[in-house]
C-alpha atoms as a PDB file:
ATOM      1  CA  MET A   1     -61.421  51.833-231.489  1.00  0.00           C
ATOM      2  CA  THR A   2     -59.129  53.715-233.820  1.00  0.00           C
ATOM      3  CA  ILE A   3     -59.751  57.440-234.193  1.00  0.00           C
ATOM      4  CA  GLY A   4     -61.154  58.330-237.595  1.00  0.00           C
ATOM      5  CA  SER A   5     -61.855  62.029-237.236  1.00  0.00           C
ATOM      6  CA  GLN A   6     -61.643  65.073-234.987  1.00  0.00           C
ATOM      7  CA  ASN A   7     -65.261  64.347-234.040  1.00  0.00           C
ATOM      8  CA  ASP A   8     -64.092  61.065-232.529  1.00  0.00           C
ATOM      9  CA  ILE A   9     -61.516  62.880-230.418  1.00  0.00           C
ATOM     10  CA  GLU A  10     -64.060  65.438-229.234  1.00  0.00           C
ATOM     11  CA  GLY A  11     -66.642  62.753-228.458  1.00  0.00           C
ATOM     12  CA  LEU A  12     -64.129  60.822-226.368  1.00  0.00           C
ATOM     13  CA  LYS A  13     -62.990  63.961-224.565  1.00  0.00           C
ATOM     14  CA  GLU A  14     -66.582  64.850-223.698  1.00  0.00           C
ATOM     15  CA  ILE A  15     -67.428  61.486-222.146  1.00  0.00           C
ATOM     16  CA  GLY A  16     -63.969  61.323-220.591  1.00  0.00           C
ATOM     17  CA  GLN A  17     -64.527  64.624-218.832  1.00  0.00           C
ATOM     18  CA  ILE A  18     -67.896  63.419-217.524  1.00  0.00           C
ATOM     19  CA  VAL A  19     -66.293  60.262-216.153  1.00  0.00           C
ATOM     20  CA  ALA A  20     -63.520  62.273-214.487  1.00  0.00           C
ATOM     21  CA  LEU A  21     -65.996  64.750-212.968  1.00  0.00           C
ATOM     22  CA  THR A  22     -68.061  61.860-211.605  1.00  0.00           C
ATOM     23  CA  ILE A  23     -65.077  60.265-209.888  1.00  0.00           C
ATOM     24  CA  ARG A  24     -63.920  63.601-208.490  1.00  0.00           C
ATOM     25  CA  GLU A  25     -67.329  64.409-207.022  1.00  0.00           C
ATOM     26  CA  MET A  26     -67.809  60.899-205.600  1.00  0.00           C
ATOM     27  CA  LYS A  27     -64.414  61.101-203.883  1.00  0.00           C
ATOM     28  CA  HIS A  28     -65.199  64.583-202.546  1.00  0.00           C
ATOM     29  CA  ARG A  29     -68.496  63.413-201.055  1.00  0.00           C
ATOM     30  CA  ALA A  30     -67.312  60.077-199.614  1.00  0.00           C
ATOM     31  CA  ARG A  31     -67.767  60.032-195.847  1.00  0.00           C
ATOM     32  CA  ALA A  32     -67.314  57.479-193.088  1.00  0.00           C
ATOM     33  CA  GLY A  33     -70.700  55.949-192.268  1.00  0.00           C
ATOM     34  CA  MET A  34     -71.987  56.343-195.829  1.00  0.00           C
ATOM     35  CA  THR A  35     -72.908  53.121-197.618  1.00  0.00           C
ATOM     36  CA  THR A  36     -71.319  52.262-200.935  1.00  0.00           C
ATOM     37  CA  ARG A  37     -74.825  52.314-202.429  1.00  0.00           C
ATOM     38  CA  GLU A  38     -75.314  55.923-201.294  1.00  0.00           C
ATOM     39  CA  LEU A  39     -71.982  56.832-202.865  1.00  0.00           C
ATOM     40  CA  ASP A  40     -72.959  55.020-206.053  1.00  0.00           C
ATOM     41  CA  GLU A  41     -76.233  56.934-206.247  1.00  0.00           C
ATOM     42  CA  ILE A  42     -74.268  60.191-206.234  1.00  0.00           C
ATOM     43  CA  GLY A  43     -72.297  58.930-209.221  1.00  0.00           C
ATOM     44  CA  GLY A  44     -75.441  57.849-211.023  1.00  0.00           C
ATOM     45  CA  GLN A  45     -77.019  61.264-210.561  1.00  0.00           C
ATOM     46  CA  ILE A  46     -73.964  63.024-211.994  1.00  0.00           C
ATOM     47  CA  LEU A  47     -73.847  60.766-215.043  1.00  0.00           C
ATOM     48  CA  LYS A  48     -77.568  61.244-215.671  1.00  0.00           C
ATOM     49  CA  ARG A  49     -77.249  65.006-215.319  1.00  0.00           C
ATOM     50  CA  HIS A  50     -74.672  64.994-218.110  1.00  0.00           C
ATOM     51  CA  GLY A  51     -76.647  62.672-220.378  1.00  0.00           C
ATOM     52  CA  ALA A  52     -74.290  59.727-219.852  1.00  0.00           C
ATOM     53  CA  VAL A  53     -75.146  56.070-219.288  1.00  0.00           C
ATOM     54  CA  PRO A  54     -73.245  53.810-216.838  1.00  0.00           C
ATOM     55  CA  ALA A  55     -71.435  51.385-219.147  1.00  0.00           C
ATOM     56  CA  PRO A  56     -71.169  48.309-216.871  1.00  0.00           C
ATOM     57  CA  LYS A  57     -74.903  48.420-216.191  1.00  0.00           C
ATOM     58  CA  ALA A  58     -75.803  48.896-219.860  1.00  0.00           C
ATOM     59  CA  THR A  59     -73.252  46.408-221.205  1.00  0.00           C
ATOM     60  CA  TYR A  60     -73.163  43.643-218.594  1.00  0.00           C
ATOM     61  CA  ASN A  61     -76.188  44.375-216.390  1.00  0.00           C
ATOM     62  CA  PHE A  62     -73.844  45.217-213.505  1.00  0.00           C
ATOM     63  CA  PRO A  63     -75.886  46.024-210.369  1.00  0.00           C
ATOM     64  CA  GLY A  64     -74.633  49.571-209.897  1.00  0.00           C
ATOM     65  CA  ASN A  65     -73.665  52.784-211.630  1.00  0.00           C
ATOM     66  CA  ALA A  66     -69.990  52.442-210.703  1.00  0.00           C
ATOM     67  CA  CYS A  67     -67.712  49.773-209.291  1.00  0.00           C
ATOM     68  CA  ILE A  68     -66.846  50.642-205.682  1.00  0.00           C
ATOM     69  CA  SER A  69     -64.276  48.386-204.022  1.00  0.00           C
ATOM     70  CA  VAL A  70     -63.079  48.694-200.426  1.00  0.00           C
ATOM     71  CA  ASN A  71     -59.897  47.394-198.781  1.00  0.00           C
ATOM     72  CA  HIS A  72     -59.329  43.743-199.781  1.00  0.00           C
ATOM     73  CA  ASP A  73     -62.027  43.895-202.467  1.00  0.00           C
ATOM     74  CA  ILE A  74     -60.062  45.477-205.297  1.00  0.00           C
ATOM     75  CA  ALA A  75     -62.221  45.560-208.422  1.00  0.00           C
ATOM     76  CA  HIS A  76     -65.826  45.294-209.639  1.00  0.00           C
ATOM     77  CA  GLY A  77     -67.198  45.829-206.136  1.00  0.00           C
ATOM     78  CA  ILE A  78     -71.005  45.935-206.076  1.00  0.00           C
ATOM     79  CA  PRO A  79     -72.488  49.001-204.338  1.00  0.00           C
ATOM     80  CA  GLY A  80     -74.557  47.907-201.362  1.00  0.00           C
ATOM     81  CA  ASN A  81     -75.052  48.226-197.607  1.00  0.00           C
ATOM     82  CA  ARG A  82     -71.374  48.205-196.679  1.00  0.00           C
ATOM     83  CA  LYS A  83     -70.533  51.330-194.705  1.00  0.00           C
ATOM     84  CA  LEU A  84     -67.333  53.204-195.356  1.00  0.00           C
ATOM     85  CA  GLN A  85     -65.058  53.254-192.324  1.00  0.00           C
ATOM     86  CA  PRO A  86     -62.267  55.604-191.220  1.00  0.00           C
ATOM     87  CA  GLY A  87     -58.971  54.470-192.720  1.00  0.00           C
ATOM     88  CA  ASP A  88     -60.527  52.456-195.572  1.00  0.00           C
ATOM     89  CA  VAL A  89     -58.900  52.315-198.983  1.00  0.00           C
ATOM     90  CA  ILE A  90     -61.592  52.951-201.595  1.00  0.00           C
ATOM     91  CA  ASN A  91     -61.459  52.391-205.328  1.00  0.00           C
ATOM     92  CA  ILE A  92     -64.019  54.096-207.559  1.00  0.00           C
ATOM     93  CA  ASP A  93     -64.095  52.845-211.149  1.00  0.00           C
ATOM     94  CA  VAL A  94     -66.444  54.706-213.483  1.00  0.00           C
ATOM     95  CA  SER A  95     -67.068  53.880-217.126  1.00  0.00           C
ATOM     96  CA  ALA A  96     -69.803  55.542-219.121  1.00  0.00           C
ATOM     97  CA  GLU A  97     -71.198  56.134-222.607  1.00  0.00           C
ATOM     98  CA  ARG A  98     -72.599  59.182-224.338  1.00  0.00           C
ATOM     99  CA  GLY A  99     -73.182  59.722-228.024  1.00  0.00           C
ATOM    100  CA  GLY A 100     -71.755  56.322-228.885  1.00  0.00           C
ATOM    101  CA  TYR A 101     -68.413  56.988-227.166  1.00  0.00           C
ATOM    102  CA  TYR A 102     -67.115  55.216-224.052  1.00  0.00           C
ATOM    103  CA  ALA A 103     -64.510  56.238-221.470  1.00  0.00           C
ATOM    104  CA  ASP A 104     -63.221  54.352-218.445  1.00  0.00           C
ATOM    105  CA  ALA A 105     -61.273  55.604-215.426  1.00  0.00           C
ATOM    106  CA  GLY A 106     -60.474  54.565-211.872  1.00  0.00           C
ATOM    107  CA  HIS A 107     -59.088  56.145-208.713  1.00  0.00           C
ATOM    108  CA  SER A 108     -57.945  54.673-205.385  1.00  0.00           C
ATOM    109  CA  PHE A 109     -57.725  56.810-202.274  1.00  0.00           C
ATOM    110  CA  PRO A 110     -57.547  56.377-198.486  1.00  0.00           C
ATOM    111  CA  MET A 111     -60.063  57.727-196.002  1.00  0.00           C
ATOM    112  CA  SER A 112     -58.792  59.634-192.973  1.00  0.00           C
ATOM    113  CA  PRO A 113     -57.147  58.989-190.592  1.00  0.00           C
ATOM    114  CA  TYR A 114     -54.447  58.386-193.173  1.00  0.00           C
ATOM    115  CA  ASP A 115     -52.061  55.464-192.909  1.00  0.00           C
ATOM    116  CA  PRO A 116     -48.813  56.680-194.523  1.00  0.00           C
ATOM    117  CA  ALA A 117     -48.204  53.264-196.090  1.00  0.00           C
ATOM    118  CA  LEU A 118     -51.614  53.259-197.790  1.00  0.00           C
ATOM    119  CA  THR A 119     -51.269  56.877-198.876  1.00  0.00           C
ATOM    120  CA  ARG A 120     -47.940  55.981-200.481  1.00  0.00           C
ATOM    121  CA  LEU A 121     -49.461  52.942-202.203  1.00  0.00           C
ATOM    122  CA  CYS A 122     -52.228  55.022-203.797  1.00  0.00           C
ATOM    123  CA  GLN A 123     -49.842  57.766-204.898  1.00  0.00           C
ATOM    124  CA  TYR A 124     -47.304  55.288-206.242  1.00  0.00           C
ATOM    125  CA  ALA A 125     -49.963  53.517-208.309  1.00  0.00           C
ATOM    126  CA  HIS A 126     -50.975  56.874-209.788  1.00  0.00           C
ATOM    127  CA  ASP A 127     -47.375  57.789-210.560  1.00  0.00           C
ATOM    128  CA  THR A 128     -46.830  54.397-212.197  1.00  0.00           C
ATOM    129  CA  MET A 129     -49.856  54.922-214.434  1.00  0.00           C
ATOM    130  CA  MET A 130     -48.581  58.338-215.482  1.00  0.00           C
ATOM    131  CA  LYS A 131     -45.082  57.015-216.168  1.00  0.00           C
ATOM    132  CA  VAL A 132     -46.539  54.345-218.450  1.00  0.00           C
ATOM    133  CA  ILE A 133     -48.696  56.875-220.290  1.00  0.00           C
ATOM    134  CA  ALA A 134     -45.760  59.240-220.837  1.00  0.00           C
ATOM    135  CA  SER A 135     -43.790  56.397-222.457  1.00  0.00           C
ATOM    136  CA  LEU A 136     -46.366  55.473-225.116  1.00  0.00           C
ATOM    137  CA  LYS A 137     -46.690  56.597-228.720  1.00  0.00           C
ATOM    138  CA  HIS A 138     -47.182  55.222-232.224  1.00  0.00           C
ATOM    139  CA  GLY A 139     -44.765  52.352-232.911  1.00  0.00           C
ATOM    140  CA  VAL A 140     -44.078  51.370-229.306  1.00  0.00           C
ATOM    141  CA  LYS A 141     -44.605  47.685-228.564  1.00  0.00           C
ATOM    142  CA  LEU A 142     -47.730  46.961-226.555  1.00  0.00           C
ATOM    143  CA  ASN A 143     -45.768  44.824-224.091  1.00  0.00           C
ATOM    144  CA  GLU A 144     -43.891  47.947-222.964  1.00  0.00           C
ATOM    145  CA  ILE A 145     -46.993  48.740-220.899  1.00  0.00           C
ATOM    146  CA  GLY A 146     -46.571  45.599-218.824  1.00  0.00           C
ATOM    147  CA  ARG A 147     -42.805  45.912-218.674  1.00  0.00           C
ATOM    148  CA  ILE A 148     -42.976  49.409-217.187  1.00  0.00           C
ATOM    149  CA  MET A 149     -45.809  48.532-214.792  1.00  0.00           C
ATOM    150  CA  GLN A 150     -43.966  45.501-213.445  1.00  0.00           C
ATOM    151  CA  SER A 151     -40.626  47.305-213.219  1.00  0.00           C
ATOM    152  CA  GLU A 152     -42.071  50.318-211.413  1.00  0.00           C
ATOM    153  CA  ALA A 153     -44.029  48.119-209.015  1.00  0.00           C
ATOM    154  CA  GLU A 154     -40.891  46.224-208.063  1.00  0.00           C
ATOM    155  CA  LYS A 155     -38.911  49.450-207.597  1.00  0.00           C
ATOM    156  CA  GLY A 156     -41.547  50.623-205.135  1.00  0.00           C
ATOM    157  CA  GLY A 157     -41.669  47.328-203.221  1.00  0.00           C
ATOM    158  CA  TYR A 158     -45.024  46.281-204.719  1.00  0.00           C
ATOM    159  CA  ARG A 159     -46.371  43.605-207.024  1.00  0.00           C
ATOM    160  CA  VAL A 160     -48.792  43.831-209.927  1.00  0.00           C
ATOM    161  CA  ILE A 161     -52.106  41.970-209.941  1.00  0.00           C
ATOM    162  CA  LYS A 162     -51.414  39.755-212.934  1.00  0.00           C
ATOM    163  CA  ASN A 163     -54.978  38.852-213.922  1.00  0.00           C
ATOM    164  CA  LEU A 164     -56.326  42.416-214.171  1.00  0.00           C
ATOM    165  CA  CYS A 165     -55.487  43.975-217.513  1.00  0.00           C
ATOM    166  CA  SER A 166     -55.720  47.184-219.494  1.00  0.00           C
ATOM    167  CA  HIS A 167     -57.822  47.029-222.657  1.00  0.00           C
ATOM    168  CA  GLY A 168     -59.119  48.742-225.750  1.00  0.00           C
ATOM    169  CA  VAL A 169     -62.120  51.044-225.384  1.00  0.00           C
ATOM    170  CA  GLY A 170     -63.960  53.773-227.311  1.00  0.00           C
ATOM    171  CA  ARG A 171     -66.998  52.489-229.188  1.00  0.00           C
ATOM    172  CA  SER A 172     -67.736  49.862-226.543  1.00  0.00           C
ATOM    173  CA  LEU A 173     -66.485  49.228-223.011  1.00  0.00           C
ATOM    174  CA  HIS A 174     -64.057  46.447-223.921  1.00  0.00           C
ATOM    175  CA  GLU A 175     -62.490  46.219-227.377  1.00  0.00           C
ATOM    176  CA  THR A 176     -59.310  45.137-229.060  1.00  0.00           C
ATOM    177  CA  PRO A 177     -56.541  45.225-228.106  1.00  0.00           C
ATOM    178  CA  THR A 178     -57.643  42.874-225.328  1.00  0.00           C
ATOM    179  CA  GLU A 179     -55.615  41.598-222.378  1.00  0.00           C
ATOM    180  CA  ILE A 180     -52.914  44.247-222.229  1.00  0.00           C
ATOM    181  CA  LEU A 181     -50.973  42.445-219.519  1.00  0.00           C
ATOM    182  CA  PRO A 182     -49.523  44.281-216.496  1.00  0.00           C
ATOM    183  CA  TYR A 183     -46.250  42.355-216.769  1.00  0.00           C
ATOM    184  CA  TYR A 184     -43.761  41.776-219.572  1.00  0.00           C
ATOM    185  CA  ASN A 185     -44.676  39.140-222.146  1.00  0.00           C
ATOM    186  CA  LYS A 186     -41.923  38.700-224.737  1.00  0.00           C
ATOM    187  CA  HIS A 187     -44.312  36.787-227.004  1.00  0.00           C
ATOM    188  CA  ASP A 188     -46.680  39.746-227.427  1.00  0.00           C
ATOM    189  CA  LYS A 189     -45.690  41.246-230.779  1.00  0.00           C
ATOM    190  CA  ARG A 190     -48.503  43.811-231.000  1.00  0.00           C
ATOM    191  CA  VAL A 191     -47.574  47.442-231.656  1.00  0.00           C
ATOM    192  CA  LEU A 192     -49.348  50.650-230.673  1.00  0.00           C
ATOM    193  CA  LYS A 193     -50.779  52.565-233.623  1.00  0.00           C
ATOM    194  CA  GLU A 194     -51.725  56.222-233.972  1.00  0.00           C
ATOM    195  CA  GLY A 195     -55.402  56.713-233.108  1.00  0.00           C
ATOM    196  CA  MET A 196     -55.684  53.607-230.944  1.00  0.00           C
ATOM    197  CA  VAL A 197     -57.839  54.118-227.816  1.00  0.00           C
ATOM    198  CA  ILE A 198     -56.897  52.111-224.717  1.00  0.00           C
ATOM    199  CA  THR A 199     -57.003  52.176-220.939  1.00  0.00           C
ATOM    200  CA  ILE A 200     -53.915  52.164-218.749  1.00  0.00           C
ATOM    201  CA  GLU A 201     -54.738  50.726-215.324  1.00  0.00           C
ATOM    202  CA  PRO A 202     -52.042  49.311-213.044  1.00  0.00           C
ATOM    203  CA  PHE A 203     -53.191  47.464-209.939  1.00  0.00           C
ATOM    204  CA  LEU A 204     -50.321  47.583-207.425  1.00  0.00           C
ATOM    205  CA  SER A 205     -50.380  45.243-204.444  1.00  0.00           C
ATOM    206  CA  THR A 206     -48.613  45.019-201.099  1.00  0.00           C
ATOM    207  CA  GLY A 207     -48.761  41.219-201.319  1.00  0.00           C
ATOM    208  CA  ALA A 208     -51.048  39.205-203.570  1.00  0.00           C
ATOM    209  CA  GLU A 209     -50.378  38.770-207.298  1.00  0.00           C
ATOM    210  CA  TYR A 210     -53.821  37.505-208.314  1.00  0.00           C
ATOM    211  CA  ALA A 211     -57.403  38.577-207.742  1.00  0.00           C
ATOM    212  CA  VAL A 212     -60.055  35.980-206.914  1.00  0.00           C
ATOM    213  CA  GLU A 213     -63.701  36.248-207.959  1.00  0.00           C
ATOM    214  CA  GLN A 214     -66.190  36.159-205.099  1.00  0.00           C
ATOM    215  CA  PRO A 215     -69.477  34.189-205.006  1.00  0.00           C
ATOM    216  CA  ASP A 216     -71.470  37.260-206.122  1.00  0.00           C
ATOM    217  CA  GLY A 217     -69.972  36.745-209.582  1.00  0.00           C
ATOM    218  CA  TRP A 218     -68.558  40.285-209.773  1.00  0.00           C
ATOM    219  CA  THR A 219     -66.324  41.311-206.901  1.00  0.00           C
ATOM    220  CA  LEU A 220     -62.611  40.576-207.238  1.00  0.00           C
ATOM    221  CA  SER A 221     -60.654  40.321-204.002  1.00  0.00           C
ATOM    222  CA  VAL A 222     -57.155  39.448-202.835  1.00  0.00           C
ATOM    223  CA  PRO A 223     -56.824  36.048-201.114  1.00  0.00           C
ATOM    224  CA  ASP A 224     -54.733  37.542-198.310  1.00  0.00           C
ATOM    225  CA  ASN A 225     -54.797  40.719-196.230  1.00  0.00           C
ATOM    226  CA  SER A 226     -52.807  42.785-198.706  1.00  0.00           C
ATOM    227  CA  PHE A 227     -53.963  46.149-200.014  1.00  0.00           C
ATOM    228  CA  VAL A 228     -54.206  47.157-203.657  1.00  0.00           C
ATOM    229  CA  ALA A 229     -54.435  50.536-205.392  1.00  0.00           C
ATOM    230  CA  GLN A 230     -55.584  51.078-208.980  1.00  0.00           C
ATOM    231  CA  HIS A 231     -55.550  54.176-211.123  1.00  0.00           C
ATOM    232  CA  GLU A 232     -56.888  54.274-214.656  1.00  0.00           C
ATOM    233  CA  HIS A 233     -57.095  56.665-217.577  1.00  0.00           C
ATOM    234  CA  THR A 234     -58.474  56.311-221.084  1.00  0.00           C
ATOM    235  CA  ILE A 235     -55.924  57.545-223.629  1.00  0.00           C
ATOM    236  CA  ILE A 236     -55.553  58.076-227.373  1.00  0.00           C
ATOM    237  CA  ILE A 237     -52.235  57.019-228.894  1.00  0.00           C
ATOM    238  CA  THR A 238     -50.575  59.646-231.118  1.00  0.00           C
ATOM    239  CA  LYS A 239     -47.178  60.126-232.774  1.00  0.00           C
ATOM    240  CA  HIS A 240     -46.172  62.044-229.668  1.00  0.00           C
ATOM    241  CA  GLU A 241     -47.446  61.809-226.067  1.00  0.00           C
ATOM    242  CA  PRO A 242     -50.905  60.253-225.696  1.00  0.00           C
ATOM    243  CA  ILE A 243     -54.035  62.324-225.241  1.00  0.00           C
ATOM    244  CA  ILE A 244     -55.586  61.633-221.828  1.00  0.00           C
ATOM    245  CA  VAL A 245     -59.347  61.974-222.246  1.00  0.00           C
ATOM    246  CA  THR A 246     -60.464  61.165-218.678  1.00  0.00           C
ATOM    247  CA  VAL A 247     -59.530  64.507-217.150  1.00  0.00           C
ATOM    248  CA  ALA A 248     -61.784  67.190-215.716  1.00  0.00           C
END
């Protein structure tokens, strides 16, 4: 969407804060031995308490309140009977709607005992996301997002997952601009405009460059034993630094 009023900004900030609070509480309550379904139910309760609706369930009939992906499953993981284990890398991706506004955010984190390499991966993915966000404003070419993601990944010794993209959001879960690639595409002539609402979500990998859909029709996994971390914010483009709405 493109912001049309201060009410739009406030509506996005409200749902963005709910999404951020949900992720924060789910991470805080994640424990070894807990199933991903139990963790998902916590998220669903928080969203309901704040009058928000899980967007993947409402939009695509996704079988869960949030996407919870563990280790080599990296996106769109279905909550179920899988038990969290010590040392797992977990990704929680929450998108929700309230009052006609949508926000989308994700967070990857390791469970203790902490592997320094996996802790670094998660932190580096977060730092990459923030570096991209800090570089965006009205007039910047859209392909700068992919250029920075790819460059930062390579500097850190990682690769980007090339078939998982950032996207427009705001009045629905996925909007234009679509397919904001995580690598540089010189043919993409699109330009960021003031008021544009998009996600920024790098997926950084220790090996694989592509995610593969599993037979359940949802879960995306790496075809090797690499690990992947994703962090995601919903932002509003301005003439200066973007407004991050998915903060608590």
